[in-house]
Amino acid sequence: MDMTITAPDGRLRCRWCAAAPEFLHYHDTEWGFPVDDDRRLFEKVSLEGFQSGLSWRTILAKRDNFRAAFHDFDFERVAQFDERDVARLLLDAGIVRHRGKIEAVINNARRACELVEREGSLASFFWRYEPKAANLAEPQSASTSAESLALSKELKKRGWKFVGPTTVYAFMQAMGLINDHATECALRIEVERARDSFLRP
C-alpha cells in the first residue's frame, strides 16, 4: 500500500495524516522532530499512556485540557497530587476520566523526579535508547523494537506504569528518537536535518 498522500500544498505526507484534519499540522510541526525538553517528554509519555485503547485523535483533541489539568505536565507539581486531585480529575470532562491512567500519571511524575535526581534529566535517560541506524525497521513497519522493549522494561523496573513496549515505541517515534516518516514524505528530510543538528543530551 502507498504510504503517502498528497497534501493540500501538493507535497507528499505520511498516509496517516488523512485520518483527521488536525493530524497534518501535528505531523508537520511535531511528530518525529527531536525533543530534549523534560516537560514535553513527560507529557508525551503521559498522553501515550492515556491513548492506550483509544485513538490519538481523541487525545490530541483533548491535549490542551490535559495540559490544564496536569499543570502543563510539570512533573514536580504533579508528583504532589493526592487523592483529592484524583477525585477532581475524575470529574473533569475535558480529559479521559480513567482512574488507572490518572493515577499512573501521578505515580510516573514521582518516578520522573527520582529519575532526574539519579540521571540528571529525563532527556539524558531517554536518549540513551535511540536506536542505531542499522537497527531501524522500514518506516512505519513496526510497532515495537529491541530498544522500545528495553526502555519499557527499564521504566517498569523503576516503577513506571502504562509504559508497555508499543506505548514506548510510539513515544520514540513522536519525540524524534526514530525518524519514522515514510520514505517519500516531504517531512522525512526535514526531520532528518533536525536530528543531524540535534545535540544529544
Protein backbone atom coordinates (compact mmCIF):
# COMPACT_ATOMS: atom_id res chain seq x y z
CA MET A 1 0.00 0.00 0.00
CA ASP A 2 1.20 3.52 -0.79
CA MET A 3 2.44 5.05 2.48
CA THR A 4 1.84 8.66 1.44
CA ILE A 5 -0.95 11.02 0.42
CA THR A 6 -0.79 14.31 -1.47
CA ALA A 7 -1.48 17.13 0.98
CA PRO A 8 -3.30 20.37 0.03
CA ASP A 9 0.07 22.04 -0.70
CA GLY A 10 0.82 19.37 -3.30
CA ARG A 11 3.60 17.73 -1.27
CA LEU A 12 3.54 14.14 -0.07
CA ARG A 13 2.86 13.32 3.57
CA CYS A 14 2.57 10.13 5.63
CA ARG A 15 -0.77 8.47 4.85
CA TRP A 16 -1.96 8.63 8.49
CA CYS A 17 -2.33 12.43 8.10
CA ALA A 18 -5.52 11.80 6.13
CA ALA A 19 -7.26 10.22 9.15
CA ALA A 20 -8.19 13.58 10.76
CA PRO A 21 -7.94 17.27 9.75
CA GLU A 22 -5.81 18.15 12.77
CA PHE A 23 -3.20 15.48 12.03
CA LEU A 24 -1.45 17.39 9.22
CA HIS A 25 -0.34 20.26 11.48
CA TYR A 26 0.77 17.83 14.21
CA HIS A 27 2.66 15.77 11.61
CA ASP A 28 4.37 18.80 10.07
CA THR A 29 5.35 20.64 13.25
CA GLU A 30 5.88 17.99 15.93
CA TRP A 31 5.93 14.31 15.00
CA GLY A 32 9.46 12.98 14.72
CA PHE A 33 11.29 16.22 15.49
CA PRO A 34 13.84 15.56 18.28
CA VAL A 35 12.87 16.74 21.77
CA ASP A 36 15.12 17.23 24.80
CA ASP A 37 12.72 19.20 26.99
CA ASP A 38 11.88 17.14 30.08
CA ARG A 39 8.39 18.52 30.45
CA ARG A 40 7.48 17.73 26.84
CA LEU A 41 8.95 14.25 27.19
CA PHE A 42 6.91 13.64 30.32
CA GLU A 43 3.79 15.00 28.63
CA LYS A 44 4.20 12.62 25.71
CA VAL A 45 4.79 9.57 27.91
CA SER A 46 1.67 10.52 29.86
CA LEU A 47 -0.51 11.11 26.80
CA GLU A 48 0.64 7.88 25.17
CA GLY A 49 -0.47 6.11 28.36
CA PHE A 50 -3.86 7.81 28.15
CA GLN A 51 -4.11 6.79 24.50
CA SER A 52 -3.87 3.09 25.36
CA GLY A 53 -7.02 1.51 23.91
CA LEU A 54 -8.11 4.83 22.34
CA SER A 55 -7.20 6.82 19.21
CA TRP A 56 -4.53 9.50 19.08
CA ARG A 57 -7.19 11.82 17.61
CA THR A 58 -9.15 11.60 20.89
CA ILE A 59 -6.06 12.51 22.91
CA LEU A 60 -4.85 15.25 20.57
CA ALA A 61 -8.29 16.91 20.65
CA LYS A 62 -8.12 16.98 24.46
CA ARG A 63 -4.43 17.85 24.77
CA ASP A 64 -4.98 21.44 25.93
CA ASN A 65 -7.39 20.16 28.58
CA PHE A 66 -4.82 17.60 29.74
CA ARG A 67 -2.21 20.37 29.95
CA ALA A 68 -4.52 22.49 32.09
CA ALA A 69 -5.44 19.55 34.33
CA PHE A 70 -1.81 18.47 34.89
CA HIS A 71 -0.13 21.90 35.20
CA ASP A 72 1.46 21.66 31.75
CA PHE A 73 2.92 18.32 32.82
CA ASP A 74 5.25 19.90 35.36
CA PHE A 75 6.07 16.54 36.93
CA GLU A 76 7.38 18.09 40.15
CA ARG A 77 3.94 19.62 40.73
CA VAL A 78 2.04 16.53 39.56
CA ALA A 79 4.11 14.42 41.95
CA GLN A 80 2.39 16.31 44.80
CA PHE A 81 -1.13 15.31 43.67
CA ASP A 82 -3.16 13.33 46.18
CA GLU A 83 -6.50 11.53 46.29
CA ARG A 84 -8.39 14.84 46.19
CA ASP A 85 -6.70 15.62 42.89
CA VAL A 86 -7.63 12.19 41.54
CA ALA A 87 -11.26 12.84 42.53
CA ARG A 88 -11.12 16.27 40.84
CA LEU A 89 -9.67 14.82 37.64
CA LEU A 90 -12.27 12.06 37.54
CA LEU A 91 -14.89 14.82 37.29
CA ASP A 92 -13.05 16.68 34.51
CA ALA A 93 -14.98 16.02 31.28
CA GLY A 94 -12.20 17.63 29.26
CA ILE A 95 -9.82 14.71 29.77
CA VAL A 96 -10.04 10.91 29.69
CA ARG A 97 -11.57 10.02 33.05
CA HIS A 98 -9.86 6.71 33.73
CA ARG A 99 -8.72 6.26 37.33
CA GLY A 100 -5.89 3.86 36.48
CA LYS A 101 -4.43 6.19 33.85
CA ILE A 102 -4.78 9.28 36.05
CA GLU A 103 -3.09 7.51 38.95
CA ALA A 104 -0.37 6.28 36.58
CA VAL A 105 0.50 9.86 35.57
CA ILE A 106 0.79 10.87 39.24
CA ASN A 107 2.88 7.79 40.00
CA ASN A 108 5.06 8.40 36.94
CA ALA A 109 5.58 12.03 37.95
CA ARG A 110 7.07 10.80 41.24
CA ARG A 111 9.21 8.28 39.37
CA ALA A 112 10.29 11.06 36.97
CA CYS A 113 11.51 13.15 39.91
CA GLU A 114 13.54 10.17 41.13
CA LEU A 115 14.94 9.57 37.67
CA VAL A 116 16.03 13.22 37.28
CA GLU A 117 17.77 13.00 40.67
CA ARG A 118 19.71 9.93 39.53
CA GLU A 119 20.27 10.68 35.86
CA GLY A 120 20.29 14.48 35.65
CA SER A 121 17.34 14.74 33.26
CA LEU A 122 14.65 12.67 31.59
CA ALA A 123 16.18 13.60 28.24
CA SER A 124 19.61 12.15 29.02
CA PHE A 125 17.94 8.93 30.16
CA PHE A 126 15.52 8.52 27.24
CA TRP A 127 18.03 9.41 24.53
CA ARG A 128 20.27 6.56 25.63
CA TYR A 129 17.71 4.32 23.92
CA GLU A 130 17.97 5.97 20.50
CA PRO A 131 18.36 3.06 18.04
CA LYS A 132 21.40 2.78 15.80
CA ALA A 133 20.57 3.37 12.14
CA ALA A 134 21.39 -0.25 11.30
CA ASN A 135 18.72 -1.46 13.76
CA LEU A 136 15.85 0.54 12.27
CA ALA A 137 12.91 -1.19 10.61
CA GLU A 138 11.44 0.16 7.38
CA PRO A 139 9.41 3.30 8.13
CA GLN A 140 6.08 2.57 9.81
CA SER A 141 6.53 -1.19 9.51
CA ALA A 142 6.95 -1.88 13.24
CA SER A 143 5.11 -1.14 16.47
CA THR A 144 7.91 -2.22 18.83
CA SER A 145 11.67 -2.59 18.66
CA ALA A 146 14.50 -4.02 20.73
CA GLU A 147 15.08 -0.51 22.09
CA SER A 148 11.42 0.12 22.99
CA LEU A 149 11.34 -3.27 24.72
CA ALA A 150 14.49 -2.40 26.67
CA LEU A 151 13.25 1.08 27.63
CA SER A 152 9.83 -0.27 28.63
CA LYS A 153 11.47 -2.93 30.78
CA GLU A 154 13.75 -0.38 32.49
CA LEU A 155 10.90 2.06 33.17
CA LYS A 156 8.76 -0.71 34.66
CA LYS A 157 11.70 -1.79 36.81
CA ARG A 158 11.86 1.77 38.10
CA GLY A 159 8.14 1.68 38.96
CA TRP A 160 6.59 3.47 35.96
CA LYS A 161 3.12 2.40 34.78
CA PHE A 162 1.34 2.32 31.37
CA VAL A 163 4.72 2.14 29.60
CA GLY A 164 4.45 -1.05 27.55
CA PRO A 165 6.76 -1.52 24.54
CA THR A 166 4.14 -0.37 21.99
CA THR A 167 3.41 2.78 24.01
CA VAL A 168 7.13 3.44 24.35
CA TYR A 169 7.70 2.89 20.61
CA ALA A 170 5.01 5.46 19.77
CA PHE A 171 6.71 7.85 22.20
CA MET A 172 10.08 7.28 20.49
CA GLN A 173 8.55 7.94 17.06
CA ALA A 174 6.91 11.17 18.20
CA MET A 175 9.86 12.55 20.17
CA GLY A 176 12.37 12.03 17.37
CA LEU A 177 14.38 9.12 18.73
CA ILE A 178 13.34 7.49 15.44
CA ASN A 179 12.62 9.18 12.11
CA ASP A 180 9.65 7.07 11.09
CA HIS A 181 8.26 9.34 8.38
CA ALA A 182 7.53 7.46 5.17
CA THR A 183 10.44 7.42 2.73
CA GLU A 184 8.61 9.68 0.25
CA CYS A 185 7.12 12.00 2.90
CA ALA A 186 8.20 15.63 2.45
CA LEU A 187 8.88 15.91 6.18
CA ARG A 188 11.28 12.98 6.35
CA ILE A 189 14.23 15.04 5.12
CA GLU A 190 13.30 17.97 7.41
CA VAL A 191 13.20 15.68 10.43
CA GLU A 192 16.49 14.09 9.42
CA ARG A 193 18.11 17.54 9.20
CA ALA A 194 16.75 18.39 12.66
CA ARG A 195 18.10 15.12 14.03
CA ASP A 196 21.51 15.73 12.41
CA SER A 197 21.86 19.12 14.11
CA PHE A 198 20.33 17.97 17.42
CA LEU A 199 22.75 17.87 20.36
CA ARG A 200 22.07 14.64 22.23
CA PRO A 201 21.73 15.29 25.96
